[in-house]
Amino acid sequence: MVFGRRADDPDLVFEAGGRSRPLLVRRMAQAQGMRLSVDPRDGGVRLVMPSRGSLRAALKWVESKRGWIEAALDALPQARPIEEGMLIEVAGEPLRVELADGGRTVRRVGSRLIVPLPADLLGVRVTRWLKKQALERLAAETERIAALAQVGIGQVSIGDPRARWGSCSANGDIRYSWRLILAPPTVLEATVAHEVAHRLHMDHSRAFHAAVERLLGRDPAPERAWLRAHGRELYWLGRDP
C-alpha cells in the first residue's frame, strides 16, 4: 500500500524503501495542474493540486510518478545521527564528539567536543550546545553589522525553519536558522548582512543588494552558491537513517 493514514497522525504518507514519509497535499485555487516535489530538508513528498481536484485521482497520479519520487529520495543527503567519534564542522572548525564521565555540561577542549554521559543524551546535548554557539555568534555578528549600517535591531533569535536561513520583521526582530553554525563562517556572515540590510530596504531591490554588498565588504554570490549547493546537507545532521 502506497498511501495510508498513521494511527496517531491524520496526514497522508508515502511508503518507499521500507519506510513511510509525510505526503503533504496543498490545494491551491490558482494551480492549473498537479505538481510534485521532494523536500530536501526532510524527505517529505509535497503535492500541489487544484483546490477542487479529486484527491483520489491525485493520489493515483502520484503513484504513477513513483519512479521519479524514489530517484529524488535516493539523491537526498545522507542522514547523520550524532554519534560518539563523529566530526562536526562548527563555524568552519572540525570537532570530534567524545563521551566522558563527570561533569554536566558540554565543553570544547581544543578540537574535541566533550559530552558527559549518559550516551542516550548525546544527541540532545550536542544539539543544545550547537544552538547556544549559533545564537552567540549570530547575535554578535548581527550587532557588528548593524553598527556598520547604523540601524537598530530588535530581538535576535534562532529556530529551525524549513524555507529560510534568516528573516527580518518590520520591527527589527531577526530570526536565523541555528544550522548556520554548521556552515563556513563566511556563509553565516553573508546571511547576517542580508538580514541587517533589510533594516534599510524591506525588499530585494537593487538598493537592497547594494547594501548587502556594502555591509559585507564583498559580493555575497559565493556564499549564496554554497548554500544552494550544500545548504540542504545541514538539515540532515541529527537525523536517523
Protein backbone atom coordinates (compact mmCIF):
# COMPACT_ATOMS: atom_id res chain seq x y z
CA MET A 1 0.00 0.00 0.00
CA VAL A 2 1.48 3.33 -1.06
CA PHE A 3 -0.78 5.73 0.80
CA GLY A 4 -2.28 5.42 4.21
CA ARG A 5 -3.01 7.20 7.44
CA ARG A 6 -0.97 6.79 10.60
CA ALA A 7 -2.99 5.95 13.67
CA ASP A 8 -1.51 8.94 15.50
CA ASP A 9 -1.26 11.26 12.51
CA PRO A 10 -4.11 12.08 10.14
CA ASP A 11 -1.71 13.18 7.39
CA LEU A 12 -1.17 11.05 4.32
CA VAL A 13 2.09 9.17 3.98
CA PHE A 14 4.12 7.89 1.05
CA GLU A 15 5.75 4.50 1.51
CA ALA A 16 9.06 3.88 -0.22
CA GLY A 17 12.16 1.90 0.60
CA GLY A 18 10.54 0.25 3.59
CA ARG A 19 9.70 3.49 5.37
CA SER A 20 6.86 5.99 5.48
CA ARG A 21 7.35 9.65 4.61
CA PRO A 22 4.93 12.53 5.02
CA LEU A 23 2.82 13.31 1.96
CA LEU A 24 1.69 16.91 2.24
CA VAL A 25 -1.20 17.81 -0.05
CA ARG A 26 -1.68 21.51 -0.69
CA ARG A 27 -4.74 22.66 -2.59
CA MET A 28 -4.37 25.96 -4.43
CA ALA A 29 -7.07 27.79 -6.32
CA GLN A 30 -4.56 29.14 -8.84
CA ALA A 31 -2.99 25.74 -9.57
CA GLN A 32 -3.50 24.77 -13.21
CA GLY A 33 -2.47 21.19 -12.67
CA MET A 34 -0.66 18.94 -10.23
CA ARG A 35 2.96 19.40 -9.16
CA LEU A 36 5.23 17.13 -7.14
CA SER A 37 8.35 17.89 -5.16
CA VAL A 38 10.53 16.23 -2.53
CA ASP A 39 11.63 18.47 0.31
CA PRO A 40 15.46 18.25 0.50
CA ARG A 41 15.31 19.12 4.20
CA ASP A 42 13.25 16.20 5.47
CA GLY A 43 12.44 13.93 2.52
CA GLY A 44 8.75 14.76 2.71
CA VAL A 45 6.76 14.46 -0.52
CA ARG A 46 4.78 17.57 -1.48
CA LEU A 47 1.80 17.57 -3.82
CA VAL A 48 0.22 20.78 -5.09
CA MET A 49 -3.15 20.35 -6.77
CA PRO A 50 -6.17 22.46 -7.82
CA SER A 51 -8.47 23.28 -4.92
CA ARG A 52 -11.40 21.40 -6.46
CA GLY A 53 -9.44 18.46 -7.82
CA SER A 54 -10.14 14.85 -6.88
CA LEU A 55 -7.80 13.61 -4.16
CA ARG A 56 -8.30 10.02 -5.29
CA ALA A 57 -7.22 10.93 -8.82
CA ALA A 58 -4.32 12.95 -7.47
CA LEU A 59 -3.02 10.03 -5.41
CA LYS A 60 -3.26 7.78 -8.42
CA TRP A 61 -1.21 10.32 -10.39
CA VAL A 62 1.38 10.45 -7.60
CA GLU A 63 1.70 6.66 -7.76
CA SER A 64 2.37 6.94 -11.50
CA LYS A 65 5.34 9.16 -10.61
CA ARG A 66 6.79 6.67 -8.15
CA GLY A 67 10.00 6.23 -10.16
CA TRP A 68 10.70 9.95 -10.14
CA ILE A 69 9.94 10.25 -6.42
CA GLU A 70 12.18 7.34 -5.48
CA ALA A 71 15.03 8.76 -7.58
CA ALA A 72 14.63 12.12 -5.83
CA LEU A 73 14.65 10.39 -2.43
CA ASP A 74 17.78 8.45 -3.34
CA ALA A 75 19.51 11.74 -4.21
CA LEU A 76 18.91 13.25 -0.75
CA PRO A 77 21.89 13.83 1.57
CA GLN A 78 22.80 11.02 3.93
CA ALA A 79 21.34 11.30 7.42
CA ARG A 80 23.99 11.98 10.07
CA PRO A 81 22.89 10.89 13.53
CA ILE A 82 25.00 12.43 16.28
CA GLU A 83 27.33 9.69 17.48
CA GLU A 84 30.49 9.37 19.52
CA GLY A 85 33.59 9.76 17.38
CA MET A 86 31.96 11.71 14.59
CA LEU A 87 33.34 15.02 13.30
CA ILE A 88 31.08 18.06 13.23
CA GLU A 89 32.11 21.26 11.45
CA VAL A 90 31.35 24.14 13.81
CA ALA A 91 31.98 27.61 12.36
CA GLY A 92 34.43 26.03 9.93
CA GLU A 93 36.36 24.02 12.52
CA PRO A 94 36.03 20.22 12.80
CA LEU A 95 35.28 18.98 16.31
CA ARG A 96 35.32 15.33 17.32
CA VAL A 97 32.48 14.25 19.60
CA GLU A 98 33.62 12.35 22.70
CA LEU A 99 31.68 10.94 25.65
CA ALA A 100 33.21 11.27 29.10
CA ASP A 101 32.42 10.58 32.76
CA GLY A 102 31.91 13.53 35.02
CA GLY A 103 30.57 16.99 34.50
CA ARG A 104 27.14 18.18 33.50
CA THR A 105 27.83 20.44 30.55
CA VAL A 106 29.21 20.03 27.06
CA ARG A 107 32.60 21.67 26.70
CA ARG A 108 35.09 22.22 23.93
CA VAL A 109 38.69 21.21 24.53
CA GLY A 110 40.79 22.09 21.51
CA SER A 111 39.39 20.11 18.60
CA ARG A 112 37.32 17.84 20.89
CA LEU A 113 33.73 18.28 21.99
CA ILE A 114 33.42 16.58 25.36
CA VAL A 115 29.89 15.43 26.20
CA PRO A 116 29.01 13.99 29.62
CA LEU A 117 27.35 10.60 29.93
CA PRO A 118 24.81 9.03 29.57
CA ALA A 119 25.13 8.15 25.90
CA ASP A 120 21.39 8.31 25.26
CA LEU A 121 21.50 12.09 25.84
CA LEU A 122 24.38 12.63 23.41
CA GLY A 123 22.30 13.97 20.53
CA VAL A 124 20.18 16.24 22.70
CA ARG A 125 23.17 17.72 24.49
CA VAL A 126 25.24 18.29 21.35
CA THR A 127 22.31 19.93 19.58
CA ARG A 128 21.66 22.18 22.57
CA TRP A 129 25.34 23.20 22.61
CA LEU A 130 25.31 23.91 18.87
CA LYS A 131 22.25 26.11 19.24
CA LYS A 132 23.92 28.08 22.01
CA GLN A 133 27.01 28.62 19.88
CA ALA A 134 24.84 29.66 16.96
CA LEU A 135 22.89 32.23 18.95
CA GLU A 136 26.01 33.76 20.48
CA ARG A 137 27.82 34.06 17.15
CA LEU A 138 24.78 35.27 15.21
CA ALA A 139 23.88 37.85 17.84
CA ALA A 140 27.44 39.20 17.91
CA GLU A 141 27.70 39.34 14.11
CA THR A 142 24.29 41.00 13.84
CA GLU A 143 25.32 43.66 16.34
CA ARG A 144 28.56 44.27 14.44
CA ILE A 145 26.93 44.66 11.03
CA ALA A 146 24.02 46.68 12.42
CA ALA A 147 26.60 49.16 13.76
CA LEU A 148 28.09 49.44 10.27
CA ALA A 149 24.63 50.03 8.83
CA GLN A 150 23.78 52.46 11.64
CA VAL A 151 20.43 50.78 12.23
CA GLY A 152 18.67 49.47 15.29
CA ILE A 153 17.98 45.78 15.77
CA GLY A 154 15.25 44.18 17.83
CA GLN A 155 15.50 40.68 19.26
CA VAL A 156 17.88 38.17 17.69
CA SER A 157 16.69 34.58 17.96
CA ILE A 158 17.20 31.19 16.35
CA GLY A 159 14.94 28.42 15.11
CA ASP A 160 14.96 25.56 12.64
CA PRO A 161 12.88 26.89 9.72
CA ARG A 162 12.33 24.90 6.57
CA ALA A 163 12.41 27.62 3.96
CA ARG A 164 14.69 30.43 5.15
CA TRP A 165 18.13 30.84 6.64
CA GLY A 166 17.05 34.11 8.15
CA SER A 167 14.16 36.55 8.35
CA CYS A 168 13.77 40.16 9.45
CA SER A 169 10.48 41.60 10.68
CA ALA A 170 9.30 45.16 10.19
CA ASN A 171 10.09 45.96 13.83
CA GLY A 172 13.69 44.80 13.51
CA ASP A 173 13.47 41.35 15.08
CA ILE A 174 15.77 38.94 13.24
CA ARG A 175 15.48 35.17 13.37
CA TYR A 176 18.06 32.77 11.95
CA SER A 177 18.41 29.06 11.37
CA TRP A 178 20.68 27.67 14.08
CA ARG A 179 22.19 25.38 11.44
CA LEU A 180 24.19 28.30 10.07
CA ILE A 181 26.76 27.44 12.75
CA LEU A 182 27.45 24.30 10.69
CA ALA A 183 28.25 26.37 7.58
CA PRO A 184 31.53 28.16 6.80
CA PRO A 185 31.84 31.44 8.75
CA THR A 186 31.64 33.46 5.53
CA VAL A 187 28.19 31.99 4.84
CA LEU A 188 26.98 32.98 8.30
CA GLU A 189 28.37 36.50 7.80
CA ALA A 190 26.68 36.88 4.41
CA THR A 191 23.36 35.74 5.84
CA VAL A 192 23.60 38.27 8.65
CA ALA A 193 24.45 41.05 6.20
CA HIS A 194 21.41 40.07 4.14
CA GLU A 195 19.05 40.29 7.11
CA VAL A 196 20.52 43.51 8.52
CA ALA A 197 20.25 45.10 5.08
CA HIS A 198 16.50 44.59 5.35
CA ARG A 199 16.57 47.24 8.07
CA LEU A 200 17.50 49.62 5.27
CA HIS A 201 15.35 48.17 2.50
CA MET A 202 12.43 45.80 3.21
CA ASP A 203 12.57 44.39 -0.30
CA HIS A 204 15.04 42.79 -2.69
CA SER A 205 15.64 45.82 -4.87
CA ARG A 206 18.95 46.85 -6.40
CA ALA A 207 19.43 49.22 -3.49
CA PHE A 208 18.98 46.30 -1.09
CA HIS A 209 21.56 44.12 -2.84
CA ALA A 210 23.97 47.04 -2.98
CA ALA A 211 23.52 47.49 0.77
CA VAL A 212 24.27 43.80 1.40
CA GLU A 213 27.47 44.02 -0.61
CA ARG A 214 28.50 47.24 1.13
CA LEU A 215 27.91 45.84 4.62
CA LEU A 216 29.59 42.54 3.84
CA GLY A 217 32.51 44.19 2.05
CA ARG A 218 32.29 41.81 -0.89
CA ASP A 219 29.92 40.19 -3.36
CA PRO A 220 27.88 37.54 -1.48
CA ALA A 221 27.42 35.43 -4.62
CA PRO A 222 29.89 32.70 -3.50
CA GLU A 223 28.06 32.31 -0.19
CA ARG A 224 24.68 32.11 -1.93
CA ALA A 225 26.12 29.48 -4.26
CA TRP A 226 27.44 27.48 -1.30
CA LEU A 227 24.01 27.42 0.32
CA ARG A 228 22.37 26.32 -2.92
CA ALA A 229 24.89 23.52 -3.33
CA HIS A 230 25.35 22.38 0.27
CA GLY A 231 22.72 24.01 2.44
CA ARG A 232 20.34 21.08 2.41
CA GLU A 233 23.06 18.84 3.88
CA LEU A 234 22.99 20.88 7.07
CA TYR A 235 19.41 19.75 7.76
CA TRP A 236 20.44 16.11 7.98
CA LEU A 237 22.73 16.40 10.98
CA GLY A 238 21.00 14.77 13.93
CA ARG A 239 18.66 12.68 11.79
CA ASP A 240 18.47 8.91 11.98
CA PRO A 241 18.91 6.98 8.71
